[in-house]
Amino acid sequence: NTLKPEDTAIYYCAGDRSRVPNYAPMRLYEYDYWGQ
């Protein structure tokens, strides 16, 4: 919402297989799968 010109980019979805409890990765290298 309330998009700004600085939000202009290609947006990628990513998936991580880890099962660390209560965790959501924020670093690129932690993700195993990527969309186009």
Full PDB file with SEQRES, HELIX, SHEET, SSBOND, CRYST1, ORIGX, SCALE, CONECT and MASTER records, all heavy atoms in Angstrom:
SEQRES   1 A   36  ASN THR LEU LYS PRO GLU ASP THR ALA ILE TYR TYR CYS          
SEQRES   2 A   36  ALA GLY ASP ARG SER ARG VAL PRO ASN TYR ALA PRO MET          
SEQRES   3 A   36  ARG LEU TYR GLU TYR ASP TYR TRP GLY GLN                      
HELIX    1 AA1 PRO A    5  ASP A    7  5                                   3    
HELIX    2 AA2 LEU A   28  GLU A   30  5                                   3    
SHEET    1 AA1 2 ALA A  14  GLY A  15  0                                        
SHEET    2 AA1 2 TYR A  33  TRP A  34 -1                                        
CRYST1    1.000    1.000    1.000  90.00  90.00  90.00 P 1           1          
ORIGX1      1.000000  0.000000  0.000000        0.00000                         
ORIGX2      0.000000  1.000000  0.000000        0.00000                         
ORIGX3      0.000000  0.000000  1.000000        0.00000                         
SCALE1      1.000000  0.000000  0.000000        0.00000                         
SCALE2      0.000000  1.000000  0.000000        0.00000                         
SCALE3      0.000000  0.000000  1.000000        0.00000                         
ATOM      1  N   ASN A   1       0.836  -1.201   0.000  1.00  0.00           N  
ATOM      2  CA  ASN A   1       0.000   0.000   0.000  1.00  0.00           C  
ATOM      3  C   ASN A   1       0.873   1.253   0.000  1.00  0.00           C  
ATOM      4  O   ASN A   1       2.048   1.207   0.348  1.00  0.00           O  
ATOM      5  CB  ASN A   1      -0.911   0.005   1.226  1.00  0.00           C  
ATOM      6  CG  ASN A   1      -1.871  -1.161   1.253  1.00  0.00           C  
ATOM      7  OD1 ASN A   1      -2.295  -1.662   0.214  1.00  0.00           O  
ATOM      8  ND2 ASN A   1      -2.207  -1.614   2.446  1.00  0.00           N  
ATOM      9  N   THR A   2       0.258   2.357  -0.373  1.00  0.00           N  
ATOM     10  CA  THR A   2       0.940   3.656  -0.384  1.00  0.00           C  
ATOM     11  C   THR A   2       2.305   3.535  -1.062  1.00  0.00           C  
ATOM     12  O   THR A   2       3.345   3.903  -0.504  1.00  0.00           O  
ATOM     13  CB  THR A   2       1.107   4.195   1.051  1.00  0.00           C  
ATOM     14  OG1 THR A   2      -0.083   3.967   1.801  1.00  0.00           O  
ATOM     15  CG2 THR A   2       1.358   5.704   1.019  1.00  0.00           C  
ATOM     16  N   LEU A   3       2.285   3.008  -2.259  1.00  0.00           N  
ATOM     17  CA  LEU A   3       3.543   2.780  -2.972  1.00  0.00           C  
ATOM     18  C   LEU A   3       4.244   4.095  -3.296  1.00  0.00           C  
ATOM     19  O   LEU A   3       3.601   5.124  -3.556  1.00  0.00           O  
ATOM     20  CB  LEU A   3       3.286   1.978  -4.245  1.00  0.00           C  
ATOM     21  CG  LEU A   3       3.066   0.479  -4.006  1.00  0.00           C  
ATOM     22  CD1 LEU A   3       2.354  -0.159  -5.187  1.00  0.00           C  
ATOM     23  CD2 LEU A   3       4.387  -0.213  -3.727  1.00  0.00           C  
ATOM     24  N   LYS A   4       5.565   4.015  -3.290  1.00  0.00           N  
ATOM     25  CA  LYS A   4       6.417   5.168  -3.569  1.00  0.00           C  
ATOM     26  C   LYS A   4       7.317   4.857  -4.762  1.00  0.00           C  
ATOM     27  O   LYS A   4       7.601   3.689  -5.037  1.00  0.00           O  
ATOM     28  CB  LYS A   4       7.292   5.477  -2.353  1.00  0.00           C  
ATOM     29  CG  LYS A   4       6.536   5.720  -1.069  1.00  0.00           C  
ATOM     30  CD  LYS A   4       7.492   5.904   0.097  1.00  0.00           C  
ATOM     31  CE  LYS A   4       6.744   6.143   1.399  1.00  0.00           C  
ATOM     32  NZ  LYS A   4       7.677   6.337   2.537  1.00  0.00           N  
ATOM     33  N   PRO A   5       7.792   5.878  -5.468  1.00  0.00           N  
ATOM     34  CA  PRO A   5       8.698   5.612  -6.600  1.00  0.00           C  
ATOM     35  C   PRO A   5       9.914   4.789  -6.198  1.00  0.00           C  
ATOM     36  O   PRO A   5      10.392   3.968  -6.996  1.00  0.00           O  
ATOM     37  CB  PRO A   5       9.086   7.028  -7.054  1.00  0.00           C  
ATOM     38  CG  PRO A   5       7.904   7.870  -6.696  1.00  0.00           C  
ATOM     39  CD  PRO A   5       7.402   7.298  -5.401  1.00  0.00           C  
ATOM     40  N   GLU A   6      10.386   4.949  -4.983  1.00  0.00           N  
ATOM     41  CA  GLU A   6      11.551   4.181  -4.528  1.00  0.00           C  
ATOM     42  C   GLU A   6      11.234   2.705  -4.288  1.00  0.00           C  
ATOM     43  O   GLU A   6      12.149   1.919  -4.035  1.00  0.00           O  
ATOM     44  CB  GLU A   6      12.157   4.796  -3.264  1.00  0.00           C  
ATOM     45  CG  GLU A   6      11.168   5.076  -2.160  1.00  0.00           C  
ATOM     46  CD  GLU A   6      10.681   6.522  -2.163  1.00  0.00           C  
ATOM     47  OE1 GLU A   6      10.379   7.067  -3.255  1.00  0.00           O  
ATOM     48  OE2 GLU A   6      10.610   7.100  -1.060  1.00  0.00           O  
ATOM     49  N   ASP A   7       9.972   2.322  -4.379  1.00  0.00           N  
ATOM     50  CA  ASP A   7       9.609   0.904  -4.304  1.00  0.00           C  
ATOM     51  C   ASP A   7       9.770   0.218  -5.654  1.00  0.00           C  
ATOM     52  O   ASP A   7       9.614  -1.009  -5.751  1.00  0.00           O  
ATOM     53  CB  ASP A   7       8.167   0.742  -3.835  1.00  0.00           C  
ATOM     54  CG  ASP A   7       7.954   1.217  -2.416  1.00  0.00           C  
ATOM     55  OD1 ASP A   7       8.815   0.948  -1.557  1.00  0.00           O  
ATOM     56  OD2 ASP A   7       6.917   1.869  -2.159  1.00  0.00           O  
ATOM     57  N   THR A   8      10.062   0.972  -6.692  1.00  0.00           N  
ATOM     58  CA  THR A   8      10.245   0.398  -8.023  1.00  0.00           C  
ATOM     59  C   THR A   8      11.396  -0.595  -8.020  1.00  0.00           C  
ATOM     60  O   THR A   8      12.508  -0.271  -7.613  1.00  0.00           O  
ATOM     61  CB  THR A   8      10.514   1.511  -9.044  1.00  0.00           C  
ATOM     62  OG1 THR A   8       9.355   2.346  -9.148  1.00  0.00           O  
ATOM     63  CG2 THR A   8      10.848   0.931 -10.410  1.00  0.00           C  
ATOM     64  N   ALA A   9      11.106  -1.817  -8.451  1.00  0.00           N  
ATOM     65  CA  ALA A   9      12.115  -2.879  -8.447  1.00  0.00           C  
ATOM     66  C   ALA A   9      11.497  -4.142  -9.037  1.00  0.00           C  
ATOM     67  O   ALA A   9      10.292  -4.217  -9.252  1.00  0.00           O  
ATOM     68  CB  ALA A   9      12.588  -3.171  -7.019  1.00  0.00           C  
ATOM     69  N   ILE A  10      12.361  -5.124  -9.263  1.00  0.00           N  
ATOM     70  CA  ILE A  10      11.874  -6.477  -9.517  1.00  0.00           C  
ATOM     71  C   ILE A  10      11.740  -7.142  -8.161  1.00  0.00           C  
ATOM     72  O   ILE A  10      12.685  -7.137  -7.358  1.00  0.00           O  
ATOM     73  CB  ILE A  10      12.841  -7.262 -10.418  1.00  0.00           C  
ATOM     74  CG1 ILE A  10      12.968  -6.578 -11.771  1.00  0.00           C  
ATOM     75  CG2 ILE A  10      12.345  -8.701 -10.597  1.00  0.00           C  
ATOM     76  CD1 ILE A  10      14.012  -7.214 -12.678  1.00  0.00           C  
ATOM     77  N   TYR A  11      10.579  -7.725  -7.898  1.00  0.00           N  
ATOM     78  CA  TYR A  11      10.309  -8.372  -6.623  1.00  0.00           C  
ATOM     79  C   TYR A  11      10.403  -9.884  -6.799  1.00  0.00           C  
ATOM     80  O   TYR A  11       9.770 -10.461  -7.696  1.00  0.00           O  
ATOM     81  CB  TYR A  11       8.931  -7.979  -6.111  1.00  0.00           C  
ATOM     82  CG  TYR A  11       8.926  -6.588  -5.520  1.00  0.00           C  
ATOM     83  CD1 TYR A  11       9.035  -5.467  -6.338  1.00  0.00           C  
ATOM     84  CD2 TYR A  11       8.829  -6.399  -4.150  1.00  0.00           C  
ATOM     85  CE1 TYR A  11       9.061  -4.196  -5.793  1.00  0.00           C  
ATOM     86  CE2 TYR A  11       8.835  -5.126  -3.600  1.00  0.00           C  
ATOM     87  CZ  TYR A  11       8.958  -4.031  -4.432  1.00  0.00           C  
ATOM     88  OH  TYR A  11       8.977  -2.771  -3.891  1.00  0.00           O  
ATOM     89  N   TYR A  12      11.174 -10.504  -5.905  1.00  0.00           N  
ATOM     90  CA  TYR A  12      11.425 -11.933  -5.952  1.00  0.00           C  
ATOM     91  C   TYR A  12      10.852 -12.626  -4.725  1.00  0.00           C  
ATOM     92  O   TYR A  12      11.014 -12.145  -3.595  1.00  0.00           O  
ATOM     93  CB  TYR A  12      12.918 -12.216  -6.008  1.00  0.00           C  
ATOM     94  CG  TYR A  12      13.617 -11.691  -7.241  1.00  0.00           C  
ATOM     95  CD1 TYR A  12      14.182 -10.424  -7.256  1.00  0.00           C  
ATOM     96  CD2 TYR A  12      13.715 -12.478  -8.388  1.00  0.00           C  
ATOM     97  CE1 TYR A  12      14.821  -9.942  -8.384  1.00  0.00           C  
ATOM     98  CE2 TYR A  12      14.364 -12.007  -9.516  1.00  0.00           C  
ATOM     99  CZ  TYR A  12      14.913 -10.731  -9.513  1.00  0.00           C  
ATOM    100  OH  TYR A  12      15.554 -10.267 -10.631  1.00  0.00           O  
ATOM    101  N   CYS A  13      10.265 -13.760  -4.973  1.00  0.00           N  
ATOM    102  CA  CYS A  13       9.799 -14.627  -3.906  1.00  0.00           C  
ATOM    103  C   CYS A  13      10.888 -15.662  -3.624  1.00  0.00           C  
ATOM    104  O   CYS A  13      11.575 -16.114  -4.551  1.00  0.00           O  
ATOM    105  CB  CYS A  13       8.511 -15.306  -4.370  1.00  0.00           C  
ATOM    106  SG  CYS A  13       7.884 -16.596  -3.328  1.00  0.00           S  
ATOM    107  N   ALA A  14      11.044 -16.053  -2.366  1.00  0.00           N  
ATOM    108  CA  ALA A  14      12.075 -17.023  -2.002  1.00  0.00           C  
ATOM    109  C   ALA A  14      11.552 -17.971  -0.938  1.00  0.00           C  
ATOM    110  O   ALA A  14      10.686 -17.599  -0.130  1.00  0.00           O  
ATOM    111  CB  ALA A  14      13.320 -16.301  -1.498  1.00  0.00           C  
ATOM    112  N   GLY A  15      12.100 -19.186  -0.931  1.00  0.00           N  
ATOM    113  CA  GLY A  15      11.702 -20.191   0.039  1.00  0.00           C  
ATOM    114  C   GLY A  15      12.901 -20.796   0.749  1.00  0.00           C  
ATOM    115  O   GLY A  15      13.953 -21.006   0.145  1.00  0.00           O  
ATOM    116  N   ASP A  16      12.735 -21.078   2.044  1.00  0.00           N  
ATOM    117  CA  ASP A  16      13.795 -21.629   2.894  1.00  0.00           C  
ATOM    118  C   ASP A  16      13.310 -22.898   3.561  1.00  0.00           C  
ATOM    119  O   ASP A  16      12.221 -22.917   4.138  1.00  0.00           O  
ATOM    120  CB  ASP A  16      14.180 -20.579   3.931  1.00  0.00           C  
ATOM    121  CG  ASP A  16      14.897 -21.175   5.118  1.00  0.00           C  
ATOM    122  OD1 ASP A  16      15.918 -21.857   4.915  1.00  0.00           O  
ATOM    123  OD2 ASP A  16      14.408 -20.993   6.254  1.00  0.00           O  
ATOM    124  N   ARG A  17      14.122 -23.950   3.526  1.00  0.00           N  
ATOM    125  CA  ARG A  17      13.714 -25.253   4.033  1.00  0.00           C  
ATOM    126  C   ARG A  17      13.907 -25.435   5.537  1.00  0.00           C  
ATOM    127  O   ARG A  17      13.450 -26.429   6.099  1.00  0.00           O  
ATOM    128  CB  ARG A  17      14.526 -26.355   3.341  1.00  0.00           C  
ATOM    129  CG  ARG A  17      14.285 -26.501   1.870  1.00  0.00           C  
ATOM    130  CD  ARG A  17      15.243 -27.497   1.273  1.00  0.00           C  
ATOM    131  NE  ARG A  17      16.630 -27.041   1.425  1.00  0.00           N  
ATOM    132  CZ  ARG A  17      17.646 -27.597   0.807  1.00  0.00           C  
ATOM    133  NH1 ARG A  17      17.442 -28.629  -0.001  1.00  0.00           N  
ATOM    134  NH2 ARG A  17      18.877 -27.144   0.974  1.00  0.00           N  
ATOM    135  N   SER A  18      14.569 -24.497   6.182  1.00  0.00           N  
ATOM    136  CA  SER A  18      14.961 -24.752   7.566  1.00  0.00           C  
ATOM    137  C   SER A  18      13.752 -24.920   8.483  1.00  0.00           C  
ATOM    138  O   SER A  18      12.671 -24.388   8.202  1.00  0.00           O  
ATOM    139  CB  SER A  18      15.857 -23.629   8.088  1.00  0.00           C  
ATOM    140  OG  SER A  18      15.105 -22.449   8.281  1.00  0.00           O  
ATOM    141  N   ARG A  19      13.946 -25.647   9.573  1.00  0.00           N  
ATOM    142  CA  ARG A  19      12.894 -25.915  10.548  1.00  0.00           C  
ATOM    143  C   ARG A  19      13.234 -25.317  11.908  1.00  0.00           C  
ATOM    144  O   ARG A  19      12.733 -25.780  12.934  1.00  0.00           O  
ATOM    145  CB  ARG A  19      12.687 -27.411  10.682  1.00  0.00           C  
ATOM    146  CG  ARG A  19      11.843 -27.996   9.583  1.00  0.00           C  
ATOM    147  CD  ARG A  19      10.425 -27.465   9.679  1.00  0.00           C  
ATOM    148  NE  ARG A  19       9.583 -27.922   8.598  1.00  0.00           N  
ATOM    149  CZ  ARG A  19       9.455 -27.278   7.460  1.00  0.00           C  
ATOM    150  NH1 ARG A  19      10.097 -26.150   7.251  1.00  0.00           N  
ATOM    151  NH2 ARG A  19       8.662 -27.748   6.526  1.00  0.00           N  
ATOM    152  N   VAL A  20      14.041 -24.277  11.896  1.00  0.00           N  
ATOM    153  CA  VAL A  20      14.321 -23.577  13.137  1.00  0.00           C  
ATOM    154  C   VAL A  20      13.011 -22.993  13.655  1.00  0.00           C  
ATOM    155  O   VAL A  20      12.322 -22.291  12.929  1.00  0.00           O  
ATOM    156  CB  VAL A  20      15.344 -22.444  12.927  1.00  0.00           C  
ATOM    157  CG1 VAL A  20      15.558 -21.670  14.221  1.00  0.00           C  
ATOM    158  CG2 VAL A  20      16.652 -23.007  12.399  1.00  0.00           C  
ATOM    159  N   PRO A  21      12.636 -23.284  14.906  1.00  0.00           N  
ATOM    160  CA  PRO A  21      11.351 -22.791  15.427  1.00  0.00           C  
ATOM    161  C   PRO A  21      11.285 -21.275  15.487  1.00  0.00           C  
ATOM    162  O   PRO A  21      12.276 -20.606  15.767  1.00  0.00           O  
ATOM    163  CB  PRO A  21      11.291 -23.386  16.834  1.00  0.00           C  
ATOM    164  CG  PRO A  21      12.237 -24.525  16.818  1.00  0.00           C  
ATOM    165  CD  PRO A  21      13.332 -24.135  15.852  1.00  0.00           C  
ATOM    166  N   ASN A  22      10.103 -20.742  15.191  1.00  0.00           N  
ATOM    167  CA  ASN A  22       9.855 -19.318  15.350  1.00  0.00           C  
ATOM    168  C   ASN A  22      10.900 -18.481  14.619  1.00  0.00           C  
ATOM    169  O   ASN A  22      11.487 -17.554  15.189  1.00  0.00           O  
ATOM    170  CB  ASN A  22       9.837 -18.951  16.840  1.00  0.00           C  
ATOM    171  CG  ASN A  22       9.157 -17.634  17.085  1.00  0.00           C  
ATOM    172  OD1 ASN A  22       8.194 -17.278  16.408  1.00  0.00           O  
ATOM    173  ND2 ASN A  22       9.657 -16.883  18.053  1.00  0.00           N  
ATOM    174  N   TYR A  23      11.101 -18.779  13.349  1.00  0.00           N  
ATOM    175  CA  TYR A  23      12.184 -18.136  12.598  1.00  0.00           C  
ATOM    176  C   TYR A  23      11.723 -17.825  11.192  1.00  0.00           C  
ATOM    177  O   TYR A  23      11.045 -18.635  10.555  1.00  0.00           O  
ATOM    178  CB  TYR A  23      13.395 -19.072  12.560  1.00  0.00           C  
ATOM    179  CG  TYR A  23      14.624 -18.469  11.932  1.00  0.00           C  
ATOM    180  CD1 TYR A  23      15.254 -17.377  12.510  1.00  0.00           C  
ATOM    181  CD2 TYR A  23      15.173 -18.993  10.766  1.00  0.00           C  
ATOM    182  CE1 TYR A  23      16.384 -16.825  11.941  1.00  0.00           C  
ATOM    183  CE2 TYR A  23      16.303 -18.447  10.191  1.00  0.00           C  
ATOM    184  CZ  TYR A  23      16.905 -17.369  10.792  1.00  0.00           C  
ATOM    185  OH  TYR A  23      18.034 -16.835  10.229  1.00  0.00           O  
ATOM    186  N   ALA A  24      12.082 -16.638  10.703  1.00  0.00           N  
ATOM    187  CA  ALA A  24      11.806 -16.247   9.327  1.00  0.00           C  
ATOM    188  C   ALA A  24      13.052 -15.527   8.811  1.00  0.00           C  
ATOM    189  O   ALA A  24      13.362 -14.421   9.257  1.00  0.00           O  
ATOM    190  CB  ALA A  24      10.584 -15.336   9.254  1.00  0.00           C  
ATOM    191  N   PRO A  25      13.790 -16.142   7.891  1.00  0.00           N  
ATOM    192  CA  PRO A  25      15.081 -15.598   7.458  1.00  0.00           C  
ATOM    193  C   PRO A  25      14.968 -14.238   6.780  1.00  0.00           C  
ATOM    194  O   PRO A  25      13.996 -13.954   6.078  1.00  0.00           O  
ATOM    195  CB  PRO A  25      15.596 -16.639   6.469  1.00  0.00           C  
ATOM    196  CG  PRO A  25      14.809 -17.863   6.737  1.00  0.00           C  
ATOM    197  CD  PRO A  25      13.484 -17.408   7.239  1.00  0.00           C  
ATOM    198  N   MET A  26      15.990 -13.414   6.962  1.00  0.00           N  
ATOM    199  CA  MET A  26      16.028 -12.098   6.337  1.00  0.00           C  
ATOM    200  C   MET A  26      17.241 -11.898   5.443  1.00  0.00           C  
ATOM    201  O   MET A  26      17.416 -10.822   4.870  1.00  0.00           O  
ATOM    202  CB  MET A  26      16.014 -11.022   7.432  1.00  0.00           C  
ATOM    203  CG  MET A  26      14.711 -10.969   8.203  1.00  0.00           C  
ATOM    204  SD  MET A  26      14.661  -9.630   9.409  1.00  0.00           S  
ATOM    205  CE  MET A  26      15.633 -10.340  10.720  1.00  0.00           C  
ATOM    206  N   ARG A  27      18.060 -12.949   5.279  1.00  0.00           N  
ATOM    207  CA  ARG A  27      19.278 -12.814   4.483  1.00  0.00           C  
ATOM    208  C   ARG A  27      19.215 -13.678   3.248  1.00  0.00           C  
ATOM    209  O   ARG A  27      18.730 -14.814   3.293  1.00  0.00           O  
ATOM    210  CB  ARG A  27      20.489 -13.180   5.339  1.00  0.00           C  
ATOM    211  CG  ARG A  27      20.752 -12.136   6.419  1.00  0.00           C  
ATOM    212  CD  ARG A  27      21.682 -12.622   7.482  1.00  0.00           C  
ATOM    213  NE  ARG A  27      21.011 -13.561   8.372  1.00  0.00           N  
ATOM    214  CZ  ARG A  27      21.453 -13.888   9.569  1.00  0.00           C  
ATOM    215  NH1 ARG A  27      22.574 -13.348  10.017  1.00  0.00           N  
ATOM    216  NH2 ARG A  27      20.797 -14.750  10.306  1.00  0.00           N  
ATOM    217  N   LEU A  28      19.720 -13.191   2.138  1.00  0.00           N  
ATOM    218  CA  LEU A  28      19.628 -13.893   0.860  1.00  0.00           C  
ATOM    219  C   LEU A  28      20.175 -15.306   0.946  1.00  0.00           C  
ATOM    220  O   LEU A  28      19.549 -16.249   0.440  1.00  0.00           O  
ATOM    221  CB  LEU A  28      20.413 -13.125  -0.228  1.00  0.00           C  
ATOM    222  CG  LEU A  28      19.686 -12.070  -1.030  1.00  0.00           C  
ATOM    223  CD1 LEU A  28      19.473 -10.829  -0.192  1.00  0.00           C  
ATOM    224  CD2 LEU A  28      20.484 -11.734  -2.282  1.00  0.00           C  
ATOM    225  N   TYR A  29      21.317 -15.479   1.590  1.00  0.00           N  
ATOM    226  CA  TYR A  29      21.995 -16.772   1.542  1.00  0.00           C  
ATOM    227  C   TYR A  29      21.250 -17.850   2.328  1.00  0.00           C  
ATOM    228  O   TYR A  29      21.558 -19.035   2.220  1.00  0.00           O  
ATOM    229  CB  TYR A  29      23.433 -16.640   2.043  1.00  0.00           C  
ATOM    230  CG  TYR A  29      23.578 -16.302   3.509  1.00  0.00           C  
ATOM    231  CD1 TYR A  29      23.508 -17.302   4.480  1.00  0.00           C  
ATOM    232  CD2 TYR A  29      23.818 -14.997   3.934  1.00  0.00           C  
ATOM    233  CE1 TYR A  29      23.645 -17.001   5.817  1.00  0.00           C  
ATOM    234  CE2 TYR A  29      23.962 -14.687   5.265  1.00  0.00           C  
ATOM    235  CZ  TYR A  29      23.876 -15.693   6.214  1.00  0.00           C  
ATOM    236  OH  TYR A  29      24.010 -15.395   7.534  1.00  0.00           O  
ATOM    237  N   GLU A  30      20.261 -17.442   3.111  1.00  0.00           N  
ATOM    238  CA  GLU A  30      19.500 -18.422   3.880  1.00  0.00           C  
ATOM    239  C   GLU A  30      18.403 -19.096   3.062  1.00  0.00           C  
ATOM    240  O   GLU A  30      17.803 -20.059   3.507  1.00  0.00           O  
ATOM    241  CB  GLU A  30      18.871 -17.743   5.094  1.00  0.00           C  
ATOM    242  CG  GLU A  30      19.900 -17.227   6.096  1.00  0.00           C  
ATOM    243  CD  GLU A  30      19.250 -16.635   7.320  1.00  0.00           C  
ATOM    244  OE1 GLU A  30      18.846 -15.435   7.255  1.00  0.00           O  
ATOM    245  OE2 GLU A  30      19.135 -17.321   8.334  1.00  0.00           O  
ATOM    246  N   TYR A  31      18.153 -18.576   1.869  1.00  0.00           N  
ATOM    247  CA  TYR A  31      17.056 -19.099   1.060  1.00  0.00           C  
ATOM    248  C   TYR A  31      17.562 -20.100   0.022  1.00  0.00           C  
ATOM    249  O   TYR A  31      18.606 -19.924  -0.586  1.00  0.00           O  
ATOM    250  CB  TYR A  31      16.304 -17.946   0.389  1.00  0.00           C  
ATOM    251  CG  TYR A  31      15.397 -17.249   1.363  1.00  0.00           C  
ATOM    252  CD1 TYR A  31      15.864 -16.201   2.156  1.00  0.00           C  
ATOM    253  CD2 TYR A  31      14.074 -17.658   1.531  1.00  0.00           C  
ATOM    254  CE1 TYR A  31      15.037 -15.587   3.087  1.00  0.00           C  
ATOM    255  CE2 TYR A  31      13.247 -17.039   2.454  1.00  0.00           C  
ATOM    256  CZ  TYR A  31      13.741 -16.008   3.229  1.00  0.00           C  
ATOM    257  OH  TYR A  31      12.915 -15.410   4.147  1.00  0.00           O  
ATOM    258  N   ASP A  32      16.769 -21.153  -0.161  1.00  0.00           N  
ATOM    259  CA  ASP A  32      17.149 -22.250  -1.039  1.00  0.00           C  
ATOM    260  C   ASP A  32      16.506 -22.167  -2.417  1.00  0.00           C  
ATOM    261  O   ASP A  32      17.026 -22.743  -3.378  1.00  0.00           O  
ATOM    262  CB  ASP A  32      16.739 -23.575  -0.395  1.00  0.00           C  
ATOM    263  CG  ASP A  32      17.315 -23.734   1.000  1.00  0.00           C  
ATOM    264  OD1 ASP A  32      18.555 -23.832   1.107  1.00  0.00           O  
ATOM    265  OD2 ASP A  32      16.537 -23.741   1.970  1.00  0.00           O  
ATOM    266  N   TYR A  33      15.368 -21.512  -2.508  1.00  0.00           N  
ATOM    267  CA  TYR A  33      14.610 -21.486  -3.758  1.00  0.00           C  
ATOM    268  C   TYR A  33      14.219 -20.049  -4.087  1.00  0.00           C  
ATOM    269  O   TYR A  33      13.868 -19.276  -3.188  1.00  0.00           O  
ATOM    270  CB  TYR A  33      13.335 -22.332  -3.638  1.00  0.00           C  
ATOM    271  CG  TYR A  33      13.571 -23.727  -3.132  1.00  0.00           C  
ATOM    272  CD1 TYR A  33      13.303 -24.058  -1.806  1.00  0.00           C  
ATOM    273  CD2 TYR A  33      14.069 -24.717  -3.972  1.00  0.00           C  
ATOM    274  CE1 TYR A  33      13.526 -25.331  -1.333  1.00  0.00           C  
ATOM    275  CE2 TYR A  33      14.288 -25.998  -3.510  1.00  0.00           C  
ATOM    276  CZ  TYR A  33      14.018 -26.307  -2.186  1.00  0.00           C  
ATOM    277  OH  TYR A  33      14.241 -27.567  -1.716  1.00  0.00           O  
ATOM    278  N   TRP A  34      14.216 -19.753  -5.390  1.00  0.00           N  
ATOM    279  CA  TRP A  34      13.886 -18.403  -5.859  1.00  0.00           C  
ATOM    280  C   TRP A  34      12.978 -18.451  -7.063  1.00  0.00           C  
ATOM    281  O   TRP A  34      13.090 -19.349  -7.905  1.00  0.00           O  
ATOM    282  CB  TRP A  34      15.170 -17.652  -6.234  1.00  0.00           C  
ATOM    283  CG  TRP A  34      16.032 -17.333  -5.065  1.00  0.00           C  
ATOM    284  CD1 TRP A  34      16.980 -18.149  -4.504  1.00  0.00           C  
ATOM    285  CD2 TRP A  34      16.005 -16.147  -4.281  1.00  0.00           C  
ATOM    286  NE1 TRP A  34      17.546 -17.523  -3.417  1.00  0.00           N  
ATOM    287  CE2 TRP A  34      16.977 -16.290  -3.264  1.00  0.00           C  
ATOM    288  CE3 TRP A  34      15.273 -14.958  -4.338  1.00  0.00           C  
ATOM    289  CZ2 TRP A  34      17.220 -15.292  -2.319  1.00  0.00           C  
ATOM    290  CZ3 TRP A  34      15.516 -13.979  -3.401  1.00  0.00           C  
ATOM    291  CH2 TRP A  34      16.478 -14.147  -2.405  1.00  0.00           C  
ATOM    292  N   GLY A  35      12.072 -17.464  -7.127  1.00  0.00           N  
ATOM    293  CA  GLY A  35      11.273 -17.290  -8.325  1.00  0.00           C  
ATOM    294  C   GLY A  35      12.005 -16.422  -9.331  1.00  0.00           C  
ATOM    295  O   GLY A  35      13.125 -15.958  -9.083  1.00  0.00           O  
ATOM    296  N   GLN A  36      11.353 -16.189 -10.476  1.00  0.00           N  
ATOM    297  CA  GLN A  36      11.964 -15.411 -11.551  1.00  0.00           C  
ATOM    298  C   GLN A  36      11.745 -13.915 -11.383  1.00  0.00           C  
ATOM    299  O   GLN A  36      12.400 -13.115 -12.059  1.00  0.00           O  
ATOM    300  CB  GLN A  36      11.398 -15.855 -12.899  1.00  0.00           C  
ATOM    301  CG  GLN A  36      11.805 -17.283 -13.264  1.00  0.00           C  
ATOM    302  CD  GLN A  36      13.306 -17.429 -13.350  1.00  0.00           C  
ATOM    303  OE1 GLN A  36      13.976 -16.704 -14.061  1.00  0.00           O  
ATOM    304  NE2 GLN A  36      13.860 -18.364 -12.577  1.00  0.00           N  
TER     305      GLN A  36                                                      
MASTER        0    0    0    2    2    0    0    6  304    1    0    3          
END                                                                             
